[in-house]
Amino acid sequence: MELQIIPKSENMPVFDSQAMKLQHIAYFAPPYKEYEREEITEAVISEILEKIPSGINIYLSLIPYGEDDWLEVNCDGEWISLGFSGHSGQNNYYSYNSAFAHTADQIAEADFSDRSIYTSLNSGGQSPIPKIQAITDIEAGMRAVEYFIRTGKFYPGIDWLHEF
């Protein structure tokens, strides 16, 4: 496994705030709703964006049925973690928190009880998310989610960790 840090850019591209690249949405926690293509409306997007600061665990996919090319969004109001899985899990991107770069080797040991390196967030409802893959700037995380929804791309306003 190789890691590459993609630093944030100072240049924020303009995007169409009404565009929609999503094909599938699935809540992994209550209310356990799913939406397909034409069911994904501006009202649904607004609801998602409004829920992020108070807590959400959701998958946003660029393909129908959500089987690949999806962004997992986890937020508990303190931390927000964005994790993209593409090419059947072989091409992964995560929001990156450089303040915890020194913990990368510890994560490989998988001592999930070590709260100094793990957030209270759980990927897929079960795997603890390391702090290196989560940020505390909820507003930037929300912009990253909307940017992904609208463009299908990674928001250049935050750092990303590419794992391949």
N, C-alpha and C. Protein backbone atom coordinates (compact mmCIF):
# COMPACT_ATOMS: atom_id res chain seq x y z
N MET A 1 0.85 -1.17 0.00
CA MET A 1 0.00 0.00 0.00
C MET A 1 0.90 1.24 0.00
N GLU A 2 0.57 2.15 -0.86
CA GLU A 2 1.30 3.41 -0.94
C GLU A 2 0.37 4.55 -0.55
N LEU A 3 0.96 5.58 0.04
CA LEU A 3 0.20 6.75 0.45
C LEU A 3 0.75 7.99 -0.25
N GLN A 4 -0.15 8.85 -0.66
CA GLN A 4 0.22 10.11 -1.28
C GLN A 4 -0.65 11.21 -0.68
N ILE A 5 -0.03 12.28 -0.26
CA ILE A 5 -0.77 13.42 0.28
C ILE A 5 -1.03 14.40 -0.85
N ILE A 6 -2.28 14.79 -0.98
CA ILE A 6 -2.68 15.78 -1.98
C ILE A 6 -3.04 17.05 -1.21
N PRO A 7 -2.13 18.04 -1.22
CA PRO A 7 -2.39 19.25 -0.44
C PRO A 7 -3.52 20.09 -1.02
N LYS A 8 -4.19 20.82 -0.14
CA LYS A 8 -5.28 21.67 -0.60
C LYS A 8 -4.73 22.76 -1.51
N SER A 9 -5.60 23.25 -2.34
CA SER A 9 -5.26 24.29 -3.31
C SER A 9 -5.80 25.62 -2.81
N GLU A 10 -5.14 26.66 -3.16
CA GLU A 10 -5.62 28.01 -2.82
C GLU A 10 -6.67 28.47 -3.83
N ASN A 11 -6.69 27.85 -5.00
CA ASN A 11 -7.63 28.23 -6.07
C ASN A 11 -8.85 27.33 -6.02
N MET A 12 -9.98 27.93 -5.70
CA MET A 12 -11.23 27.18 -5.64
C MET A 12 -11.97 27.34 -6.96
N PRO A 13 -12.16 26.24 -7.67
CA PRO A 13 -12.88 26.33 -8.93
C PRO A 13 -14.36 26.64 -8.71
N VAL A 14 -14.93 27.33 -9.63
CA VAL A 14 -16.36 27.63 -9.61
C VAL A 14 -17.09 26.38 -10.09
N PHE A 15 -18.23 26.08 -9.47
CA PHE A 15 -19.02 24.94 -9.91
C PHE A 15 -20.49 25.31 -9.91
N ASP A 16 -21.24 24.58 -10.69
CA ASP A 16 -22.67 24.81 -10.82
C ASP A 16 -23.37 24.31 -9.55
N SER A 17 -23.95 25.20 -8.79
CA SER A 17 -24.59 24.84 -7.52
C SER A 17 -25.92 24.10 -7.70
N GLN A 18 -26.31 23.87 -8.93
CA GLN A 18 -27.53 23.10 -9.21
C GLN A 18 -27.22 21.78 -9.92
N ALA A 19 -25.95 21.55 -10.23
CA ALA A 19 -25.57 20.31 -10.92
C ALA A 19 -25.74 19.13 -9.97
N MET A 20 -25.82 17.93 -10.54
CA MET A 20 -26.00 16.73 -9.73
C MET A 20 -25.27 15.57 -10.40
N LYS A 21 -24.24 15.06 -9.76
CA LYS A 21 -23.49 13.92 -10.30
C LYS A 21 -23.85 12.61 -9.61
N LEU A 22 -24.56 12.69 -8.49
CA LEU A 22 -24.88 11.47 -7.74
C LEU A 22 -25.88 10.60 -8.48
N GLN A 23 -25.70 9.29 -8.28
CA GLN A 23 -26.64 8.31 -8.84
C GLN A 23 -27.32 7.50 -7.73
N HIS A 24 -26.71 7.52 -6.53
CA HIS A 24 -27.24 6.71 -5.44
C HIS A 24 -26.84 7.33 -4.10
N ILE A 25 -27.77 7.31 -3.15
CA ILE A 25 -27.52 7.77 -1.78
C ILE A 25 -28.03 6.69 -0.85
N ALA A 26 -27.22 6.35 0.17
CA ALA A 26 -27.66 5.38 1.18
C ALA A 26 -27.22 5.86 2.56
N TYR A 27 -28.18 6.00 3.46
CA TYR A 27 -27.88 6.30 4.86
C TYR A 27 -27.48 4.98 5.52
N PHE A 28 -26.33 4.98 6.22
CA PHE A 28 -25.87 3.77 6.88
C PHE A 28 -26.29 3.74 8.34
N ALA A 29 -26.98 4.75 8.76
CA ALA A 29 -27.51 4.84 10.12
C ALA A 29 -28.93 5.40 10.00
N PRO A 30 -29.71 5.38 11.08
CA PRO A 30 -31.07 5.91 10.96
C PRO A 30 -31.07 7.25 10.27
N PRO A 31 -31.91 7.46 9.31
CA PRO A 31 -33.16 6.78 9.01
C PRO A 31 -33.05 5.64 7.98
N TYR A 32 -31.87 5.21 7.61
CA TYR A 32 -31.65 4.09 6.69
C TYR A 32 -32.40 4.26 5.37
N LYS A 33 -32.42 5.45 4.84
CA LYS A 33 -33.08 5.71 3.56
C LYS A 33 -32.11 5.47 2.41
N GLU A 34 -32.65 5.17 1.24
CA GLU A 34 -31.87 5.08 0.01
C GLU A 34 -32.60 5.85 -1.08
N TYR A 35 -31.80 6.43 -1.97
CA TYR A 35 -32.35 7.19 -3.09
C TYR A 35 -31.61 6.78 -4.35
N GLU A 36 -32.34 6.65 -5.43
CA GLU A 36 -31.76 6.36 -6.75
C GLU A 36 -32.02 7.54 -7.67
N ARG A 37 -31.15 7.74 -8.60
CA ARG A 37 -31.16 8.77 -9.65
C ARG A 37 -32.22 9.85 -9.52
N GLU A 38 -33.41 9.61 -10.08
CA GLU A 38 -34.43 10.65 -10.16
C GLU A 38 -35.01 11.01 -8.80
N GLU A 39 -34.80 10.17 -7.78
CA GLU A 39 -35.26 10.47 -6.43
C GLU A 39 -34.34 11.48 -5.72
N ILE A 40 -33.16 11.71 -6.29
CA ILE A 40 -32.19 12.62 -5.69
C ILE A 40 -32.53 14.05 -6.14
N THR A 41 -33.24 14.73 -5.28
CA THR A 41 -33.72 16.08 -5.59
C THR A 41 -32.93 17.12 -4.80
N GLU A 42 -33.16 18.37 -5.10
CA GLU A 42 -32.53 19.45 -4.34
C GLU A 42 -32.96 19.39 -2.87
N ALA A 43 -34.19 18.99 -2.61
CA ALA A 43 -34.66 18.87 -1.23
C ALA A 43 -33.88 17.79 -0.48
N VAL A 44 -33.60 16.68 -1.13
CA VAL A 44 -32.82 15.59 -0.52
C VAL A 44 -31.39 16.08 -0.24
N ILE A 45 -30.80 16.76 -1.19
CA ILE A 45 -29.44 17.28 -1.01
C ILE A 45 -29.40 18.29 0.13
N SER A 46 -30.37 19.18 0.18
CA SER A 46 -30.44 20.17 1.26
C SER A 46 -30.56 19.49 2.62
N GLU A 47 -31.37 18.46 2.69
CA GLU A 47 -31.55 17.71 3.94
C GLU A 47 -30.22 17.08 4.39
N ILE A 48 -29.50 16.50 3.46
CA ILE A 48 -28.19 15.89 3.78
C ILE A 48 -27.23 16.94 4.31
N LEU A 49 -27.10 18.03 3.58
CA LEU A 49 -26.16 19.08 3.97
C LEU A 49 -26.52 19.69 5.33
N GLU A 50 -27.81 19.81 5.61
CA GLU A 50 -28.25 20.35 6.90
C GLU A 50 -27.96 19.40 8.05
N LYS A 51 -28.00 18.09 7.80
CA LYS A 51 -27.79 17.10 8.85
C LYS A 51 -26.32 16.89 9.20
N ILE A 52 -25.42 17.24 8.32
CA ILE A 52 -24.00 16.94 8.54
C ILE A 52 -23.50 17.45 9.89
N PRO A 53 -23.69 18.72 10.26
CA PRO A 53 -23.10 19.20 11.52
C PRO A 53 -23.61 18.48 12.78
N SER A 54 -24.83 17.98 12.73
CA SER A 54 -25.37 17.31 13.92
C SER A 54 -25.11 15.81 13.92
N GLY A 55 -24.58 15.28 12.84
CA GLY A 55 -24.24 13.86 12.78
C GLY A 55 -24.88 13.14 11.62
N ILE A 56 -24.04 12.43 10.87
CA ILE A 56 -24.53 11.70 9.70
C ILE A 56 -23.56 10.58 9.36
N ASN A 57 -24.07 9.52 8.78
CA ASN A 57 -23.27 8.43 8.24
C ASN A 57 -23.96 8.03 6.94
N ILE A 58 -23.38 8.44 5.82
CA ILE A 58 -24.06 8.31 4.54
C ILE A 58 -23.07 7.96 3.44
N TYR A 59 -23.56 7.26 2.44
CA TYR A 59 -22.76 6.93 1.25
C TYR A 59 -23.35 7.66 0.06
N LEU A 60 -22.49 8.33 -0.69
CA LEU A 60 -22.90 9.08 -1.88
C LEU A 60 -22.16 8.47 -3.07
N SER A 61 -22.89 7.86 -3.98
CA SER A 61 -22.25 7.14 -5.07
C SER A 61 -22.48 7.80 -6.43
N LEU A 62 -21.45 7.70 -7.25
CA LEU A 62 -21.51 8.25 -8.61
C LEU A 62 -22.08 7.25 -9.60
N ILE A 63 -22.36 6.03 -9.16
CA ILE A 63 -22.94 5.03 -10.05
C ILE A 63 -24.24 4.49 -9.45
N PRO A 64 -25.14 3.99 -10.30
CA PRO A 64 -26.40 3.44 -9.80
C PRO A 64 -26.17 2.29 -8.81
N TYR A 65 -27.04 2.17 -7.86
CA TYR A 65 -27.05 1.11 -6.84
C TYR A 65 -25.90 1.22 -5.84
N GLY A 66 -25.00 2.18 -5.98
CA GLY A 66 -23.98 2.47 -4.98
C GLY A 66 -22.93 1.41 -4.77
N GLU A 67 -22.65 0.60 -5.76
CA GLU A 67 -21.73 -0.52 -5.58
C GLU A 67 -20.26 -0.13 -5.66
N ASP A 68 -19.94 1.05 -6.15
CA ASP A 68 -18.55 1.50 -6.27
C ASP A 68 -18.55 3.02 -6.46
N ASP A 69 -17.36 3.59 -6.46
CA ASP A 69 -17.20 5.04 -6.65
C ASP A 69 -18.11 5.83 -5.72
N TRP A 70 -17.93 5.59 -4.41
CA TRP A 70 -18.76 6.25 -3.42
C TRP A 70 -17.92 6.98 -2.39
N LEU A 71 -18.51 8.04 -1.87
CA LEU A 71 -17.92 8.83 -0.80
C LEU A 71 -18.71 8.54 0.46
N GLU A 72 -18.01 8.03 1.47
CA GLU A 72 -18.64 7.84 2.78
C GLU A 72 -18.42 9.11 3.59
N VAL A 73 -19.49 9.64 4.15
CA VAL A 73 -19.44 10.85 4.96
C VAL A 73 -19.86 10.47 6.37
N ASN A 74 -18.95 10.67 7.33
CA ASN A 74 -19.24 10.44 8.74
C ASN A 74 -18.97 11.73 9.50
N CYS A 75 -19.92 12.12 10.32
CA CYS A 75 -19.74 13.33 11.12
C CYS A 75 -20.47 13.14 12.45
N ASP A 76 -19.83 13.62 13.52
CA ASP A 76 -20.48 13.58 14.83
C ASP A 76 -20.61 14.97 15.43
N GLY A 77 -20.34 16.00 14.62
CA GLY A 77 -20.41 17.37 15.11
C GLY A 77 -19.06 17.89 15.56
N GLU A 78 -18.15 16.99 15.89
CA GLU A 78 -16.78 17.37 16.27
C GLU A 78 -15.80 17.02 15.16
N TRP A 79 -15.95 15.84 14.61
CA TRP A 79 -15.10 15.33 13.53
C TRP A 79 -15.94 15.08 12.29
N ILE A 80 -15.33 15.26 11.12
CA ILE A 80 -15.95 14.83 9.87
C ILE A 80 -14.90 14.07 9.09
N SER A 81 -15.30 12.91 8.62
CA SER A 81 -14.41 12.06 7.84
C SER A 81 -15.04 11.80 6.49
N LEU A 82 -14.23 11.97 5.44
CA LEU A 82 -14.68 11.71 4.08
C LEU A 82 -13.79 10.61 3.52
N GLY A 83 -14.38 9.55 3.06
CA GLY A 83 -13.61 8.45 2.51
C GLY A 83 -14.19 7.99 1.19
N PHE A 84 -13.39 8.04 0.14
CA PHE A 84 -13.84 7.64 -1.20
C PHE A 84 -13.26 6.28 -1.54
N SER A 85 -14.10 5.41 -2.06
CA SER A 85 -13.66 4.10 -2.52
C SER A 85 -14.02 3.95 -3.99
N GLY A 86 -13.00 3.66 -4.80
CA GLY A 86 -13.21 3.45 -6.23
C GLY A 86 -12.45 2.23 -6.71
N HIS A 87 -12.77 1.80 -7.90
CA HIS A 87 -12.14 0.61 -8.50
C HIS A 87 -12.20 -0.58 -7.54
N SER A 88 -13.39 -0.86 -7.02
CA SER A 88 -13.62 -1.99 -6.11
C SER A 88 -12.70 -1.96 -4.90
N GLY A 89 -12.50 -0.79 -4.33
CA GLY A 89 -11.70 -0.65 -3.12
C GLY A 89 -10.21 -0.58 -3.34
N GLN A 90 -9.77 -0.50 -4.56
CA GLN A 90 -8.34 -0.46 -4.86
C GLN A 90 -7.80 0.96 -4.98
N ASN A 91 -8.68 1.93 -4.99
CA ASN A 91 -8.30 3.33 -5.16
C ASN A 91 -9.06 4.15 -4.13
N ASN A 92 -8.41 4.50 -3.03
CA ASN A 92 -9.09 5.14 -1.91
C ASN A 92 -8.51 6.51 -1.60
N TYR A 93 -9.40 7.42 -1.25
CA TYR A 93 -9.02 8.77 -0.86
C TYR A 93 -9.71 9.08 0.47
N TYR A 94 -9.01 9.82 1.32
CA TYR A 94 -9.56 10.19 2.62
C TYR A 94 -9.26 11.66 2.89
N SER A 95 -10.18 12.30 3.62
CA SER A 95 -9.84 13.62 4.13
C SER A 95 -8.59 13.42 4.99
N TYR A 96 -7.70 14.39 4.97
CA TYR A 96 -6.39 14.21 5.61
C TYR A 96 -6.15 15.28 6.66
N ASN A 97 -5.75 14.85 7.84
CA ASN A 97 -5.46 15.74 8.95
C ASN A 97 -3.97 15.63 9.27
N SER A 98 -3.21 16.61 8.80
CA SER A 98 -1.75 16.57 8.96
C SER A 98 -1.30 16.60 10.42
N ALA A 99 -2.15 17.07 11.32
CA ALA A 99 -1.79 17.11 12.74
C ALA A 99 -1.60 15.70 13.30
N PHE A 100 -2.10 14.70 12.59
CA PHE A 100 -1.98 13.31 13.05
C PHE A 100 -1.17 12.45 12.10
N ALA A 101 -0.36 13.10 11.27
CA ALA A 101 0.49 12.37 10.31
C ALA A 101 1.41 11.39 11.02
N HIS A 102 1.85 11.75 12.21
CA HIS A 102 2.76 10.89 12.98
C HIS A 102 2.12 9.58 13.44
N THR A 103 0.81 9.43 13.29
CA THR A 103 0.12 8.23 13.77
C THR A 103 -0.04 7.16 12.70
N ALA A 104 0.42 7.41 11.48
CA ALA A 104 0.20 6.47 10.38
C ALA A 104 0.70 5.07 10.69
N ASP A 105 1.88 4.94 11.29
CA ASP A 105 2.41 3.62 11.61
C ASP A 105 1.60 2.94 12.71
N GLN A 106 1.11 3.71 13.67
CA GLN A 106 0.32 3.14 14.76
C GLN A 106 -0.99 2.55 14.25
N ILE A 107 -1.54 3.14 13.22
CA ILE A 107 -2.82 2.67 12.67
C ILE A 107 -2.68 1.25 12.14
N ALA A 108 -1.54 0.96 11.56
CA ALA A 108 -1.29 -0.39 11.04
C ALA A 108 -1.35 -1.45 12.14
N GLU A 109 -1.08 -1.05 13.38
CA GLU A 109 -1.14 -1.98 14.50
C GLU A 109 -2.58 -2.31 14.90
N ALA A 110 -3.52 -1.49 14.48
CA ALA A 110 -4.96 -1.71 14.70
C ALA A 110 -5.34 -1.84 16.17
N ASP A 111 -4.76 -1.01 17.03
CA ASP A 111 -5.18 -0.96 18.43
C ASP A 111 -6.30 0.06 18.53
N PHE A 112 -7.53 -0.41 18.29
CA PHE A 112 -8.68 0.48 18.21
C PHE A 112 -9.04 1.13 19.54
N SER A 113 -8.48 0.66 20.62
CA SER A 113 -8.78 1.24 21.93
C SER A 113 -7.97 2.52 22.18
N ASP A 114 -6.99 2.79 21.34
CA ASP A 114 -6.14 3.97 21.54
C ASP A 114 -6.86 5.21 21.02
N ARG A 115 -7.56 5.91 21.92
CA ARG A 115 -8.34 7.09 21.55
C ARG A 115 -7.46 8.27 21.15
N SER A 116 -6.16 8.17 21.34
CA SER A 116 -5.29 9.27 20.91
C SER A 116 -5.11 9.27 19.39
N ILE A 117 -5.43 8.15 18.74
CA ILE A 117 -5.28 8.10 17.28
C ILE A 117 -6.59 7.83 16.54
N TYR A 118 -7.65 7.49 17.26
CA TYR A 118 -8.94 7.21 16.62
C TYR A 118 -10.02 8.19 17.07
N THR A 119 -10.89 8.54 16.14
CA THR A 119 -12.05 9.38 16.45
C THR A 119 -13.14 8.50 17.04
N SER A 120 -14.26 9.09 17.38
CA SER A 120 -15.43 8.33 17.84
C SER A 120 -16.27 7.86 16.65
N LEU A 121 -15.87 8.22 15.42
CA LEU A 121 -16.59 7.84 14.21
C LEU A 121 -16.26 6.41 13.81
N ASN A 122 -17.25 5.74 13.21
CA ASN A 122 -17.06 4.38 12.73
C ASN A 122 -17.43 4.26 11.26
N SER A 123 -16.51 3.79 10.46
CA SER A 123 -16.78 3.56 9.04
C SER A 123 -17.63 2.32 8.89
N GLY A 124 -18.68 2.44 8.10
CA GLY A 124 -19.56 1.30 7.90
C GLY A 124 -20.24 0.85 9.18
N GLY A 125 -20.25 1.72 10.16
CA GLY A 125 -20.89 1.40 11.42
C GLY A 125 -20.05 0.54 12.34
N GLN A 126 -18.82 0.17 11.91
CA GLN A 126 -18.05 -0.73 12.77
C GLN A 126 -16.56 -0.43 12.89
N SER A 127 -15.88 0.04 11.87
CA SER A 127 -14.44 0.24 11.93
C SER A 127 -14.12 1.67 12.39
N PRO A 128 -13.39 1.82 13.50
CA PRO A 128 -13.03 3.16 13.97
C PRO A 128 -12.23 3.93 12.92
N ILE A 129 -12.52 5.21 12.81
CA ILE A 129 -11.84 6.06 11.83
C ILE A 129 -10.69 6.79 12.51
N PRO A 130 -9.48 6.64 11.95
CA PRO A 130 -8.33 7.33 12.54
C PRO A 130 -8.42 8.84 12.37
N LYS A 131 -7.84 9.56 13.32
CA LYS A 131 -7.85 11.02 13.28
C LYS A 131 -7.11 11.56 12.06
N ILE A 132 -6.16 10.82 11.54
CA ILE A 132 -5.43 11.25 10.35
C ILE A 132 -6.37 11.34 9.14
N GLN A 133 -7.51 10.63 9.21
CA GLN A 133 -8.48 10.61 8.11
C GLN A 133 -9.74 11.42 8.42
N ALA A 134 -9.66 12.30 9.40
CA ALA A 134 -10.83 13.11 9.78
C ALA A 134 -10.36 14.54 10.08
N ILE A 135 -11.23 15.47 9.84
CA ILE A 135 -10.90 16.87 10.12
C ILE A 135 -11.92 17.45 11.09
N THR A 136 -11.55 18.54 11.72
CA THR A 136 -12.47 19.19 12.67
C THR A 136 -13.13 20.43 12.08
N ASP A 137 -12.74 20.81 10.88
CA ASP A 137 -13.36 21.94 10.20
C ASP A 137 -14.62 21.44 9.48
N ILE A 138 -15.71 21.42 10.22
CA ILE A 138 -16.97 20.87 9.70
C ILE A 138 -17.44 21.66 8.48
N GLU A 139 -17.27 22.97 8.50
CA GLU A 139 -17.68 23.80 7.35
C GLU A 139 -16.95 23.39 6.08
N ALA A 140 -15.63 23.19 6.17
CA ALA A 140 -14.86 22.76 5.00
C ALA A 140 -15.30 21.37 4.56
N GLY A 141 -15.60 20.52 5.52
CA GLY A 141 -16.09 19.19 5.19
C GLY A 141 -17.43 19.24 4.46
N MET A 142 -18.30 20.13 4.90
CA MET A 142 -19.59 20.30 4.23
C MET A 142 -19.41 20.81 2.80
N ARG A 143 -18.48 21.75 2.62
CA ARG A 143 -18.20 22.23 1.26
C ARG A 143 -17.66 21.09 0.39
N ALA A 144 -16.83 20.23 0.98
CA ALA A 144 -16.28 19.09 0.24
C ALA A 144 -17.39 18.13 -0.18
N VAL A 145 -18.36 17.91 0.69
CA VAL A 145 -19.49 17.03 0.37
C VAL A 145 -20.31 17.63 -0.76
N GLU A 146 -20.65 18.90 -0.66
CA GLU A 146 -21.45 19.53 -1.73
C GLU A 146 -20.68 19.53 -3.04
N TYR A 147 -19.39 19.80 -2.98
CA TYR A 147 -18.57 19.80 -4.20
C TYR A 147 -18.61 18.42 -4.86
N PHE A 148 -18.50 17.36 -4.06
CA PHE A 148 -18.56 16.00 -4.60
C PHE A 148 -19.94 15.73 -5.23
N ILE A 149 -20.99 16.13 -4.53
CA ILE A 149 -22.35 15.94 -5.04
C ILE A 149 -22.53 16.63 -6.40
N ARG A 150 -22.03 17.85 -6.49
CA ARG A 150 -22.24 18.67 -7.69
C ARG A 150 -21.30 18.33 -8.84
N THR A 151 -20.06 17.93 -8.53
CA THR A 151 -19.05 17.74 -9.58
C THR A 151 -18.58 16.30 -9.75
N GLY A 152 -18.75 15.48 -8.71
CA GLY A 152 -18.22 14.12 -8.74
C GLY A 152 -16.72 14.09 -8.51
N LYS A 153 -16.17 15.20 -8.02
CA LYS A 153 -14.72 15.31 -7.81
C LYS A 153 -14.42 15.65 -6.36
N PHE A 154 -13.13 15.56 -6.02
CA PHE A 154 -12.68 15.89 -4.67
C PHE A 154 -12.49 17.39 -4.52
N TYR A 155 -12.98 17.91 -3.42
CA TYR A 155 -12.90 19.33 -3.13
C TYR A 155 -11.44 19.72 -2.91
N PRO A 156 -10.95 20.69 -3.68
CA PRO A 156 -9.54 21.09 -3.54
C PRO A 156 -9.27 21.98 -2.32
N GLY A 157 -10.28 22.29 -1.54
CA GLY A 157 -10.12 23.17 -0.39
C GLY A 157 -9.71 22.45 0.89
N ILE A 158 -9.53 21.13 0.84
CA ILE A 158 -9.00 20.38 1.97
C ILE A 158 -7.89 19.47 1.48
N ASP A 159 -7.06 19.02 2.42
CA ASP A 159 -6.03 18.04 2.10
C ASP A 159 -6.65 16.66 1.96
N TRP A 160 -6.09 15.85 1.06
CA TRP A 160 -6.57 14.49 0.84
C TRP A 160 -5.40 13.51 0.99
N LEU A 161 -5.72 12.32 1.43
CA LEU A 161 -4.75 11.23 1.53
C LEU A 161 -5.19 10.18 0.53
N HIS A 162 -4.30 9.87 -0.43
CA HIS A 162 -4.60 8.87 -1.46
C HIS A 162 -3.89 7.58 -1.09
N GLU A 163 -4.67 6.52 -0.97
CA GLU A 163 -4.13 5.20 -0.64
C GLU A 163 -4.37 4.29 -1.82
N PHE A 164 -3.28 3.72 -2.33
CA PHE A 164 -3.42 2.84 -3.49
C PHE A 164 -2.45 1.69 -3.41
